[in-house]
Amino acid sequence: MGIHGWEHYELGKEMAEANVAKLLEMYKREDQKYINKCCEHLDMSSLLSEEGKKKVKEQCQHHEEAKIKIALEIADRLTKTE
């Protein structure tokens, strides 16, 4: 996975059409998804197989990457000079 990969294609499309206020909302949304997924992982860690743990960890990483992608776009827009 990576912040510029195909797994974030839909997010990239949404970001392209968003203003800074919408980007901030998106960041908060992805942050909450990340928190929820990590809590799910902690709650279920004793019940998950190693493969299940790996999958949940990958999902957490995906949400963290989405947050980073949005944060970079916000920073770029706020610091862009013309």
N, C-alpha and C. Protein backbone atom coordinates (compact mmCIF):
# COMPACT_ATOMS: atom_id res chain seq x y z
N MET A 1 0.84 -1.18 0.00
CA MET A 1 0.00 0.00 0.00
C MET A 1 0.88 1.24 0.00
N GLY A 2 0.29 2.33 -0.39
CA GLY A 2 0.99 3.60 -0.37
C GLY A 2 -0.02 4.72 -0.54
N ILE A 3 0.36 5.90 -0.12
CA ILE A 3 -0.63 6.99 -0.16
C ILE A 3 -0.95 7.43 -1.57
N HIS A 4 -0.15 7.03 -2.55
CA HIS A 4 -0.42 7.43 -3.92
C HIS A 4 -0.88 6.27 -4.79
N GLY A 5 -1.24 5.16 -4.17
CA GLY A 5 -1.62 3.97 -4.92
C GLY A 5 -3.09 3.95 -5.32
N TRP A 6 -3.44 2.91 -6.06
CA TRP A 6 -4.81 2.75 -6.56
C TRP A 6 -5.82 2.55 -5.45
N GLU A 7 -5.38 2.07 -4.29
CA GLU A 7 -6.33 1.82 -3.21
C GLU A 7 -6.94 3.12 -2.68
N HIS A 8 -6.36 4.25 -3.05
CA HIS A 8 -6.90 5.55 -2.63
C HIS A 8 -7.46 6.34 -3.82
N TYR A 9 -7.76 5.66 -4.91
CA TYR A 9 -8.24 6.32 -6.12
C TYR A 9 -9.53 7.11 -5.88
N GLU A 10 -10.51 6.49 -5.25
CA GLU A 10 -11.79 7.16 -4.99
C GLU A 10 -11.60 8.36 -4.06
N LEU A 11 -10.73 8.19 -3.08
CA LEU A 11 -10.43 9.30 -2.17
C LEU A 11 -9.81 10.46 -2.94
N GLY A 12 -8.92 10.15 -3.84
CA GLY A 12 -8.29 11.18 -4.67
C GLY A 12 -9.29 11.94 -5.51
N LYS A 13 -10.26 11.22 -6.06
CA LYS A 13 -11.31 11.88 -6.83
C LYS A 13 -12.12 12.81 -5.95
N GLU A 14 -12.47 12.35 -4.76
CA GLU A 14 -13.24 13.17 -3.82
C GLU A 14 -12.44 14.40 -3.40
N MET A 15 -11.15 14.22 -3.18
CA MET A 15 -10.29 15.33 -2.78
C MET A 15 -10.18 16.39 -3.88
N ALA A 16 -10.12 15.95 -5.12
CA ALA A 16 -9.96 16.87 -6.24
C ALA A 16 -11.12 17.86 -6.33
N GLU A 17 -12.28 17.44 -5.90
CA GLU A 17 -13.48 18.28 -5.99
C GLU A 17 -13.77 19.03 -4.70
N ALA A 18 -12.93 18.85 -3.68
CA ALA A 18 -13.21 19.41 -2.35
C ALA A 18 -12.47 20.73 -2.14
N ASN A 19 -13.12 21.60 -1.38
CA ASN A 19 -12.43 22.80 -0.91
C ASN A 19 -11.75 22.46 0.41
N VAL A 20 -11.05 23.42 1.01
CA VAL A 20 -10.29 23.14 2.23
C VAL A 20 -11.21 22.71 3.37
N ALA A 21 -12.38 23.36 3.50
CA ALA A 21 -13.31 22.98 4.56
C ALA A 21 -13.75 21.52 4.41
N LYS A 22 -14.05 21.11 3.20
CA LYS A 22 -14.45 19.73 2.93
C LYS A 22 -13.28 18.77 3.21
N LEU A 23 -12.06 19.19 2.86
CA LEU A 23 -10.89 18.36 3.15
C LEU A 23 -10.73 18.15 4.64
N LEU A 24 -10.98 19.18 5.42
CA LEU A 24 -10.90 19.04 6.88
C LEU A 24 -11.94 18.05 7.38
N GLU A 25 -13.15 18.10 6.83
CA GLU A 25 -14.19 17.13 7.20
C GLU A 25 -13.75 15.72 6.81
N MET A 26 -13.15 15.59 5.64
CA MET A 26 -12.69 14.28 5.18
C MET A 26 -11.60 13.74 6.11
N TYR A 27 -10.71 14.63 6.54
CA TYR A 27 -9.65 14.22 7.46
C TYR A 27 -10.25 13.68 8.75
N LYS A 28 -11.21 14.40 9.29
CA LYS A 28 -11.87 13.97 10.53
C LYS A 28 -12.56 12.62 10.31
N ARG A 29 -13.19 12.45 9.17
CA ARG A 29 -13.87 11.19 8.85
C ARG A 29 -12.88 10.03 8.82
N GLU A 30 -11.76 10.22 8.13
CA GLU A 30 -10.76 9.16 8.03
C GLU A 30 -10.10 8.89 9.37
N ASP A 31 -9.91 9.93 10.16
CA ASP A 31 -9.35 9.76 11.50
C ASP A 31 -10.28 8.90 12.35
N GLN A 32 -11.58 9.15 12.26
CA GLN A 32 -12.54 8.35 13.03
C GLN A 32 -12.57 6.91 12.54
N LYS A 33 -12.48 6.71 11.23
CA LYS A 33 -12.42 5.35 10.69
C LYS A 33 -11.20 4.62 11.24
N TYR A 34 -10.08 5.33 11.29
CA TYR A 34 -8.84 4.75 11.80
C TYR A 34 -9.00 4.35 13.27
N ILE A 35 -9.53 5.26 14.05
CA ILE A 35 -9.74 4.97 15.48
C ILE A 35 -10.67 3.77 15.65
N ASN A 36 -11.76 3.76 14.91
CA ASN A 36 -12.72 2.65 15.01
C ASN A 36 -12.09 1.32 14.63
N LYS A 37 -11.31 1.32 13.55
CA LYS A 37 -10.68 0.08 13.09
C LYS A 37 -9.65 -0.42 14.10
N CYS A 38 -8.91 0.50 14.68
CA CYS A 38 -7.91 0.11 15.69
C CYS A 38 -8.59 -0.43 16.95
N CYS A 39 -9.69 0.19 17.35
CA CYS A 39 -10.43 -0.31 18.51
C CYS A 39 -11.01 -1.69 18.23
N GLU A 40 -11.51 -1.89 17.01
CA GLU A 40 -12.02 -3.19 16.61
C GLU A 40 -10.90 -4.23 16.71
N HIS A 41 -9.74 -3.87 16.24
CA HIS A 41 -8.59 -4.78 16.30
C HIS A 41 -8.26 -5.15 17.75
N LEU A 42 -8.25 -4.16 18.62
CA LEU A 42 -7.96 -4.44 20.03
C LEU A 42 -9.03 -5.33 20.66
N ASP A 43 -10.29 -5.03 20.34
CA ASP A 43 -11.39 -5.81 20.91
C ASP A 43 -11.38 -7.26 20.44
N MET A 44 -10.97 -7.47 19.21
CA MET A 44 -11.06 -8.80 18.61
C MET A 44 -9.73 -9.52 18.54
N SER A 45 -8.66 -8.91 19.01
CA SER A 45 -7.33 -9.48 18.80
C SER A 45 -7.19 -10.90 19.33
N SER A 46 -7.84 -11.20 20.42
CA SER A 46 -7.73 -12.55 20.97
C SER A 46 -8.55 -13.56 20.16
N LEU A 47 -9.52 -13.07 19.38
CA LEU A 47 -10.38 -13.97 18.61
C LEU A 47 -9.90 -14.17 17.17
N LEU A 48 -9.05 -13.27 16.69
CA LEU A 48 -8.64 -13.32 15.30
C LEU A 48 -7.50 -14.29 15.06
N SER A 49 -7.52 -14.91 13.90
CA SER A 49 -6.38 -15.72 13.48
C SER A 49 -5.26 -14.77 13.08
N GLU A 50 -4.11 -15.31 12.80
CA GLU A 50 -2.99 -14.46 12.36
C GLU A 50 -3.35 -13.76 11.05
N GLU A 51 -4.03 -14.47 10.17
CA GLU A 51 -4.44 -13.86 8.90
C GLU A 51 -5.46 -12.75 9.13
N GLY A 52 -6.39 -12.97 10.06
CA GLY A 52 -7.38 -11.96 10.40
C GLY A 52 -6.74 -10.72 11.01
N LYS A 53 -5.75 -10.94 11.88
CA LYS A 53 -5.03 -9.82 12.47
C LYS A 53 -4.30 -9.02 11.41
N LYS A 54 -3.72 -9.73 10.45
CA LYS A 54 -2.99 -9.06 9.36
C LYS A 54 -3.94 -8.21 8.53
N LYS A 55 -5.13 -8.74 8.25
CA LYS A 55 -6.10 -8.01 7.45
C LYS A 55 -6.58 -6.74 8.17
N VAL A 56 -6.87 -6.83 9.45
CA VAL A 56 -7.31 -5.67 10.21
C VAL A 56 -6.18 -4.65 10.28
N LYS A 57 -4.95 -5.11 10.46
CA LYS A 57 -3.81 -4.20 10.50
C LYS A 57 -3.66 -3.48 9.16
N GLU A 58 -3.86 -4.18 8.06
CA GLU A 58 -3.78 -3.55 6.74
C GLU A 58 -4.88 -2.51 6.56
N GLN A 59 -6.07 -2.79 7.10
CA GLN A 59 -7.16 -1.82 7.02
C GLN A 59 -6.85 -0.58 7.84
N CYS A 60 -6.25 -0.77 9.00
CA CYS A 60 -5.82 0.38 9.81
C CYS A 60 -4.80 1.21 9.04
N GLN A 61 -3.86 0.54 8.41
CA GLN A 61 -2.83 1.24 7.64
C GLN A 61 -3.47 2.01 6.48
N HIS A 62 -4.46 1.42 5.84
CA HIS A 62 -5.16 2.08 4.73
C HIS A 62 -5.79 3.39 5.21
N HIS A 63 -6.45 3.36 6.36
CA HIS A 63 -7.09 4.58 6.89
C HIS A 63 -6.04 5.61 7.30
N GLU A 64 -4.93 5.16 7.85
CA GLU A 64 -3.85 6.08 8.22
C GLU A 64 -3.27 6.74 6.98
N GLU A 65 -3.09 5.97 5.92
CA GLU A 65 -2.59 6.53 4.66
C GLU A 65 -3.55 7.55 4.09
N ALA A 66 -4.85 7.28 4.20
CA ALA A 66 -5.86 8.23 3.72
C ALA A 66 -5.75 9.55 4.47
N LYS A 67 -5.57 9.46 5.79
CA LYS A 67 -5.40 10.68 6.60
C LYS A 67 -4.18 11.46 6.14
N ILE A 68 -3.08 10.78 5.88
CA ILE A 68 -1.85 11.43 5.45
C ILE A 68 -2.06 12.11 4.10
N LYS A 69 -2.71 11.40 3.19
CA LYS A 69 -2.98 11.94 1.85
C LYS A 69 -3.79 13.23 1.95
N ILE A 70 -4.82 13.23 2.77
CA ILE A 70 -5.67 14.42 2.94
C ILE A 70 -4.87 15.54 3.60
N ALA A 71 -4.10 15.21 4.63
CA ALA A 71 -3.31 16.23 5.34
C ALA A 71 -2.31 16.89 4.40
N LEU A 72 -1.68 16.12 3.55
CA LEU A 72 -0.74 16.69 2.59
C LEU A 72 -1.44 17.63 1.61
N GLU A 73 -2.62 17.26 1.19
CA GLU A 73 -3.39 18.12 0.28
C GLU A 73 -3.79 19.42 0.97
N ILE A 74 -4.22 19.33 2.22
CA ILE A 74 -4.57 20.54 2.98
C ILE A 74 -3.35 21.45 3.09
N ALA A 75 -2.23 20.88 3.49
CA ALA A 75 -1.00 21.66 3.64
C ALA A 75 -0.60 22.30 2.31
N ASP A 76 -0.70 21.56 1.24
CA ASP A 76 -0.34 22.06 -0.08
C ASP A 76 -1.23 23.25 -0.46
N ARG A 77 -2.52 23.11 -0.25
CA ARG A 77 -3.44 24.19 -0.60
C ARG A 77 -3.25 25.43 0.27
N LEU A 78 -2.97 25.23 1.55
CA LEU A 78 -2.81 26.36 2.46
C LEU A 78 -1.48 27.09 2.27
N THR A 79 -0.47 26.41 1.75
CA THR A 79 0.84 27.03 1.61
C THR A 79 1.19 27.38 0.18
N LYS A 80 0.33 27.07 -0.75
CA LYS A 80 0.61 27.34 -2.16
C LYS A 80 0.64 28.85 -2.39
N THR A 81 1.69 29.29 -3.01
CA THR A 81 1.79 30.70 -3.36
C THR A 81 1.69 30.84 -4.87
N GLU A 82 1.16 31.94 -5.27
CA GLU A 82 1.00 32.15 -6.72
C GLU A 82 1.78 33.36 -7.17
